[in-house]
Amino acid sequence: MRSGGSDRVGGLRAVPNCSEGRDPDRVARLVQSTRVTGVRVDDVHSDPDHDRTVITLSGQPDALVDAGVALAAACRDLIDLRGHDGVHPFVGALDVLPFVAMREELMPVAVACAREAARRIGDEVGVPCVLYGRAGGEGRDRPARLRRGGLPELGRRMAAGEVVADAGPAAPHPSAGVVLVGARGPLVAWNVWLPGASLDQARAVAAAVREGGDGGGLPSVRALGLMCARSGLAQVSMNVEDYRRTPLPAVVERVRREAAARGLAAGESELVGMIPREALAGASPRDLGLRALPSAQVIESTED
């Protein structure tokens, strides 16, 4: 796959999610595997309750594919899902590998990267890949639909022919599962803590916030209610898939309002990975519940 020239590189990223967030040495080895020529590691976010690490990469399209394939091999070798117990849904050691077009004109490049990465992971790493988002086509818009029920359910669906791998073996890898490889636009991964809430209360808040949930929810917002054992706190974990359609301040305010309706006070927020400056919609970090927002986590322009 050719990059099409340096003028098409700006605004292309990969944001792989690995099913390891507790062992610092193992995380470091996973991150190191992505440090190929032409790729920059922009951010690393690990969470022990989720047992998940999100890595933000930028660089040349071919190099981002190389990094994704190298990371898939490292995840296969270092992570055994048979001992994984993170609260975040998962189906793979390298659970998702999205190629992100920060501008719509770059989407064909992101799709080409996703399809090439899936082909190579299947052939070279021996882990099956299923495409989603713009790389997967109609009916495969979100990885949540493939993760529903976890790896055992995805394995059953693959055995029944309901889900067919786009590359690699026809059945999940025994320890590494399945890699979901996609192409999408930018999103914001955002968590809000709910001190004193039960898991049921957190799930109720999430259901009221997410699109299609109780009362309709907010467009382009996906939300889960989780209980994080290490902190002892419940959390609403969200992906804001289109922050232009539903601004982030409106999302945070809706969580606060739904929490208050259940006798709860929403706590601090947490940003996972990076965020385009425009997604803040002029709000300060403190307005959104963040203690601070390091400049390194802010993408100043989607033209970058």
Protein backbone atom coordinates (compact mmCIF):
# COMPACT_ATOMS: atom_id res chain seq x y z
CA MET A 1 0.00 0.00 0.00
CA ARG A 2 1.39 3.38 -0.97
CA SER A 3 0.88 6.47 1.16
CA GLY A 4 0.08 8.72 -1.77
CA GLY A 5 2.69 11.30 -0.81
CA SER A 6 3.45 13.35 2.27
CA ASP A 7 0.64 15.80 1.55
CA ARG A 8 -1.84 13.07 2.48
CA VAL A 9 -0.19 12.07 5.76
CA GLY A 10 -1.27 14.90 8.06
CA GLY A 11 -4.35 14.01 10.05
CA LEU A 12 -3.95 10.22 9.94
CA ARG A 13 -3.62 8.33 13.21
CA ALA A 14 -3.98 4.86 14.66
CA VAL A 15 -5.38 4.31 18.14
CA PRO A 16 -4.87 0.64 19.08
CA ASN A 17 -6.43 -0.69 22.31
CA CYS A 18 -4.56 -3.54 23.98
CA SER A 19 -5.99 -5.85 26.65
CA GLU A 20 -3.24 -5.11 29.18
CA GLY A 21 -3.27 -2.22 31.62
CA ARG A 22 -1.69 -3.53 34.84
CA ASP A 23 1.87 -4.67 34.20
CA PRO A 24 4.08 -1.62 33.46
CA ASP A 25 6.85 -3.73 31.95
CA ARG A 26 4.47 -5.50 29.61
CA VAL A 27 2.85 -2.21 28.62
CA ALA A 28 6.28 -0.74 27.88
CA ARG A 29 7.10 -3.71 25.64
CA LEU A 30 3.83 -3.31 23.77
CA VAL A 31 4.44 0.40 23.23
CA GLN A 32 8.02 -0.27 22.14
CA SER A 33 6.78 -2.60 19.41
CA THR A 34 5.01 0.34 17.74
CA ARG A 35 8.15 2.47 17.51
CA VAL A 36 8.86 1.81 13.85
CA THR A 37 10.42 4.28 11.45
CA GLY A 38 7.87 6.90 10.38
CA VAL A 39 5.61 6.55 13.45
CA ARG A 40 5.37 8.77 16.53
CA VAL A 41 3.86 7.64 19.84
CA ASP A 42 1.70 10.61 20.87
CA ASP A 43 -0.02 9.24 23.98
CA VAL A 44 -0.27 6.14 26.16
CA HIS A 45 -3.16 5.63 28.59
CA SER A 46 -3.32 2.52 30.80
CA ASP A 47 -6.14 1.60 33.16
CA PRO A 48 -5.82 -1.33 35.60
CA ASP A 49 -9.57 -1.72 36.17
CA HIS A 50 -10.23 -1.86 32.44
CA ASP A 51 -6.99 -3.86 32.08
CA ARG A 52 -6.53 -1.92 28.88
CA THR A 53 -3.98 0.38 27.27
CA VAL A 54 -4.84 2.89 24.56
CA ILE A 55 -1.92 4.01 22.39
CA THR A 56 -2.21 7.01 20.05
CA LEU A 57 0.09 6.89 17.02
CA SER A 58 0.65 9.27 14.14
CA GLY A 59 2.75 8.98 11.01
CA GLN A 60 3.01 7.78 7.45
CA PRO A 61 0.23 5.40 6.37
CA ASP A 62 2.54 2.50 5.49
CA ALA A 63 4.43 2.96 8.75
CA LEU A 64 1.21 3.02 10.79
CA VAL A 65 0.28 -0.31 9.21
CA ASP A 66 3.73 -1.69 10.10
CA ALA A 67 3.26 -0.51 13.68
CA GLY A 68 -0.18 -2.11 13.93
CA VAL A 69 1.12 -5.45 12.66
CA ALA A 70 4.10 -5.35 15.03
CA LEU A 71 1.80 -4.54 17.95
CA ALA A 72 -0.54 -7.39 17.02
CA ALA A 73 2.40 -9.80 17.18
CA ALA A 74 3.54 -8.39 20.52
CA CYS A 75 0.01 -8.66 21.94
CA ARG A 76 -0.22 -12.27 20.75
CA ASP A 77 3.05 -13.11 22.47
CA LEU A 78 2.55 -11.15 25.71
CA ILE A 79 -1.18 -11.32 26.48
CA ASP A 80 -3.23 -14.42 27.29
CA LEU A 81 -6.94 -13.59 27.32
CA ARG A 82 -7.68 -16.74 29.30
CA GLY A 83 -6.51 -14.84 32.39
CA HIS A 84 -7.97 -11.46 31.47
CA ASP A 85 -10.61 -9.95 33.78
CA GLY A 86 -10.83 -6.26 32.91
CA VAL A 87 -14.21 -4.57 33.20
CA HIS A 88 -14.08 -3.23 29.64
CA PRO A 89 -15.60 -5.52 26.99
CA PHE A 90 -12.97 -7.26 24.85
CA VAL A 91 -12.49 -9.96 22.22
CA GLY A 92 -8.78 -9.64 21.46
CA ALA A 93 -5.34 -9.23 22.99
CA LEU A 94 -5.06 -6.41 20.49
CA ASP A 95 -8.74 -5.68 20.86
CA VAL A 96 -9.29 -2.89 18.36
CA LEU A 97 -7.02 -1.27 15.78
CA PRO A 98 -8.77 1.79 14.34
CA PHE A 99 -7.13 3.97 11.69
CA VAL A 100 -8.45 7.47 12.22
CA ALA A 101 -8.97 10.04 9.48
CA MET A 102 -8.98 13.42 11.19
CA ARG A 103 -10.37 14.86 7.94
CA GLU A 104 -12.96 13.20 5.71
CA GLU A 105 -10.72 13.51 2.67
CA LEU A 106 -8.32 11.08 4.36
CA MET A 107 -10.93 8.39 4.93
CA PRO A 108 -9.96 6.38 1.80
CA VAL A 109 -6.39 6.24 3.14
CA ALA A 110 -7.63 5.09 6.56
CA VAL A 111 -9.77 2.39 4.94
CA ALA A 112 -6.82 1.17 2.84
CA CYS A 113 -4.64 1.07 5.97
CA ALA A 114 -7.22 -0.93 7.90
CA ARG A 115 -7.68 -3.49 5.16
CA GLU A 116 -3.95 -3.91 4.62
CA ALA A 117 -3.28 -4.20 8.34
CA ALA A 118 -6.01 -6.85 8.69
CA ARG A 119 -4.60 -8.83 5.78
CA ARG A 120 -1.08 -8.78 7.21
CA ILE A 121 -2.14 -9.56 10.78
CA GLY A 122 -4.09 -12.55 9.52
CA ASP A 123 -1.24 -13.78 7.29
CA GLU A 124 1.82 -12.85 9.38
CA VAL A 125 0.56 -12.99 12.97
CA GLY A 126 -2.01 -15.76 12.62
CA VAL A 127 -4.78 -13.96 14.49
CA PRO A 128 -8.14 -13.52 12.74
CA CYS A 129 -9.30 -10.00 11.95
CA VAL A 130 -12.80 -8.65 11.47
CA LEU A 131 -13.23 -5.26 9.85
CA TYR A 132 -15.56 -2.59 11.24
CA GLY A 133 -16.45 1.05 10.66
CA ARG A 134 -15.84 2.48 7.22
CA ALA A 135 -13.47 -0.42 6.49
CA GLY A 136 -16.14 -3.02 7.23
CA GLY A 137 -19.09 -1.68 5.32
CA GLU A 138 -22.80 -1.66 6.08
CA GLY A 139 -23.87 -3.30 9.32
CA ARG A 140 -20.41 -3.26 10.86
CA ASP A 141 -20.24 0.31 12.02
CA ARG A 142 -19.21 -0.26 15.66
CA PRO A 143 -17.00 -2.79 17.43
CA ALA A 144 -19.54 -3.01 20.28
CA ARG A 145 -21.77 -5.18 18.09
CA LEU A 146 -18.93 -7.64 17.64
CA ARG A 147 -17.91 -7.55 21.31
CA ARG A 148 -21.41 -8.17 22.64
CA GLY A 149 -21.24 -11.34 24.71
CA GLY A 150 -17.45 -11.29 24.75
CA LEU A 151 -15.00 -13.61 23.04
CA PRO A 152 -16.95 -16.84 23.75
CA GLU A 153 -20.01 -15.43 21.97
CA LEU A 154 -17.95 -14.11 19.06
CA GLY A 155 -16.32 -17.53 18.76
CA ARG A 156 -19.76 -19.16 18.67
CA ARG A 157 -20.94 -16.73 16.00
CA MET A 158 -17.82 -17.40 13.92
CA ALA A 159 -18.30 -21.17 14.23
CA ALA A 160 -21.93 -20.76 13.12
CA GLY A 161 -20.92 -18.62 10.15
CA GLU A 162 -22.75 -15.58 11.51
CA VAL A 163 -19.46 -13.65 11.61
CA VAL A 164 -16.72 -14.42 9.10
CA ALA A 165 -13.12 -13.30 9.56
CA ASP A 166 -11.99 -10.88 6.86
CA ALA A 167 -8.42 -12.15 7.23
CA GLY A 168 -6.59 -14.93 9.01
CA PRO A 169 -7.96 -18.11 10.61
CA ALA A 170 -11.68 -18.82 10.71
CA ALA A 171 -11.72 -19.25 14.50
CA PRO A 172 -10.36 -17.09 17.33
CA HIS A 173 -6.74 -17.55 18.37
CA PRO A 174 -6.68 -19.59 21.63
CA SER A 175 -4.95 -16.89 23.68
CA ALA A 176 -5.11 -13.75 21.51
CA GLY A 177 -8.71 -13.93 20.30
CA VAL A 178 -9.73 -11.71 17.40
CA VAL A 179 -8.54 -8.26 16.28
CA LEU A 180 -11.22 -5.77 15.27
CA VAL A 181 -9.66 -3.51 12.63
CA GLY A 182 -11.45 -0.38 11.52
CA ALA A 183 -11.43 3.03 9.90
CA ARG A 184 -13.29 5.97 11.42
CA GLY A 185 -13.26 9.67 12.07
CA PRO A 186 -12.07 11.19 15.37
CA LEU A 187 -13.95 10.46 18.57
CA VAL A 188 -13.51 11.39 22.22
CA ALA A 189 -13.16 8.65 24.85
CA TRP A 190 -14.40 10.16 28.09
CA ASN A 191 -15.21 8.76 31.53
CA VAL A 192 -17.13 10.32 34.41
CA TRP A 193 -16.79 8.92 37.93
CA LEU A 194 -19.88 8.40 40.08
CA PRO A 195 -18.78 8.35 43.75
CA GLY A 196 -21.15 6.35 45.93
CA ALA A 197 -23.06 4.87 43.00
CA SER A 198 -23.85 1.18 42.64
CA LEU A 199 -23.23 -0.69 39.41
CA ASP A 200 -26.96 -0.65 38.69
CA GLN A 201 -27.07 3.13 39.16
CA ALA A 202 -24.07 3.62 36.87
CA ARG A 203 -25.73 1.46 34.24
CA ALA A 204 -28.94 3.45 34.57
CA VAL A 205 -27.09 6.74 34.04
CA ALA A 206 -25.26 5.28 31.03
CA ALA A 207 -28.53 4.02 29.56
CA ALA A 208 -30.05 7.50 29.86
CA VAL A 209 -27.05 9.14 28.20
CA ARG A 210 -26.26 6.86 25.27
CA GLU A 211 -27.98 7.18 21.91
CA GLY A 212 -31.07 5.00 21.71
CA GLY A 213 -31.09 4.42 25.46
CA ASP A 214 -33.74 5.25 28.03
CA GLY A 215 -35.43 8.46 26.97
CA GLY A 216 -33.56 8.53 23.68
CA GLY A 217 -30.17 9.60 25.00
CA LEU A 218 -27.70 11.79 23.12
CA PRO A 219 -26.86 11.34 19.43
CA SER A 220 -23.46 9.81 18.70
CA VAL A 221 -22.81 8.90 22.33
CA ARG A 222 -22.00 5.32 23.40
CA ALA A 223 -21.95 4.70 27.15
CA LEU A 224 -21.41 1.87 29.61
CA GLY A 225 -21.88 1.80 33.36
CA LEU A 226 -18.93 0.04 35.04
CA MET A 227 -17.73 -0.71 38.57
CA CYS A 228 -13.99 -0.31 39.01
CA ALA A 229 -12.87 -2.56 41.86
CA ARG A 230 -9.45 -1.02 42.45
CA SER A 231 -10.84 2.46 42.99
CA GLY A 232 -14.10 1.24 44.48
CA LEU A 233 -15.95 3.70 42.26
CA ALA A 234 -18.56 3.36 39.58
CA GLN A 235 -17.98 5.01 36.24
CA VAL A 236 -19.82 6.02 33.10
CA SER A 237 -17.44 5.15 30.26
CA MET A 238 -18.27 6.87 26.96
CA ASN A 239 -17.25 7.31 23.37
CA VAL A 240 -18.47 10.57 21.83
CA GLU A 241 -18.38 9.53 18.20
CA ASP A 242 -19.33 12.88 16.69
CA TYR A 243 -18.46 15.81 18.98
CA ARG A 244 -19.67 18.26 16.35
CA ARG A 245 -23.16 16.79 16.55
CA THR A 246 -23.16 16.44 20.35
CA PRO A 247 -20.65 18.79 22.01
CA LEU A 248 -18.69 17.40 24.92
CA PRO A 249 -20.02 19.97 27.44
CA ALA A 250 -23.55 18.76 26.66
CA VAL A 251 -22.47 15.17 27.31
CA VAL A 252 -20.93 16.00 30.69
CA GLU A 253 -23.96 18.07 31.68
CA ARG A 254 -26.31 15.22 30.75
CA VAL A 255 -24.33 12.77 32.91
CA ARG A 256 -24.47 15.21 35.82
CA ARG A 257 -28.20 15.72 35.39
CA GLU A 258 -28.96 12.00 35.16
CA ALA A 259 -26.77 11.32 38.19
CA ALA A 260 -28.56 14.04 40.19
CA ALA A 261 -31.93 12.55 39.25
CA ARG A 262 -30.80 9.39 41.04
CA GLY A 263 -29.54 11.19 44.11
CA LEU A 264 -25.90 11.11 43.01
CA ALA A 265 -23.26 13.79 42.46
CA ALA A 266 -21.09 13.18 39.41
CA GLY A 267 -17.40 13.26 40.20
CA GLU A 268 -14.33 14.05 38.14
CA SER A 269 -13.96 13.29 34.46
CA GLU A 270 -11.19 11.37 32.75
CA LEU A 271 -9.96 11.75 29.18
CA VAL A 272 -8.66 8.58 27.54
CA GLY A 273 -6.12 9.32 24.84
CA MET A 274 -6.19 12.61 22.96
CA ILE A 275 -8.83 15.19 22.11
CA PRO A 276 -9.18 17.73 19.28
CA ARG A 277 -9.24 21.27 20.65
CA GLU A 278 -12.55 21.94 18.89
CA ALA A 279 -14.21 19.09 20.82
CA LEU A 280 -13.90 21.13 24.02
CA ALA A 281 -16.33 23.65 22.50
CA GLY A 282 -14.72 26.50 24.41
CA ALA A 283 -15.20 24.89 27.83
CA SER A 284 -12.35 24.86 30.32
CA PRO A 285 -11.02 21.53 31.61
CA ARG A 286 -12.42 22.29 35.08
CA ASP A 287 -15.87 23.00 33.61
CA LEU A 288 -15.77 19.47 32.22
CA GLY A 289 -14.60 17.89 35.46
CA LEU A 290 -10.91 17.53 34.62
CA ARG A 291 -8.29 18.56 37.12
CA ALA A 292 -6.06 19.57 34.22
CA LEU A 293 -5.61 18.92 30.54
CA PRO A 294 -1.96 18.53 29.50
CA SER A 295 -1.23 20.23 26.20
CA ALA A 296 0.26 16.96 24.94
CA GLN A 297 -3.24 15.42 24.95
CA VAL A 298 -4.77 18.18 22.84
CA ILE A 299 -4.81 18.01 19.05
CA GLU A 300 -4.78 21.67 18.17
CA SER A 301 -6.23 21.19 14.71
CA THR A 302 -7.70 18.28 12.79
CA GLU A 303 -5.53 19.53 9.94
CA ASP A 304 -2.47 18.30 11.90
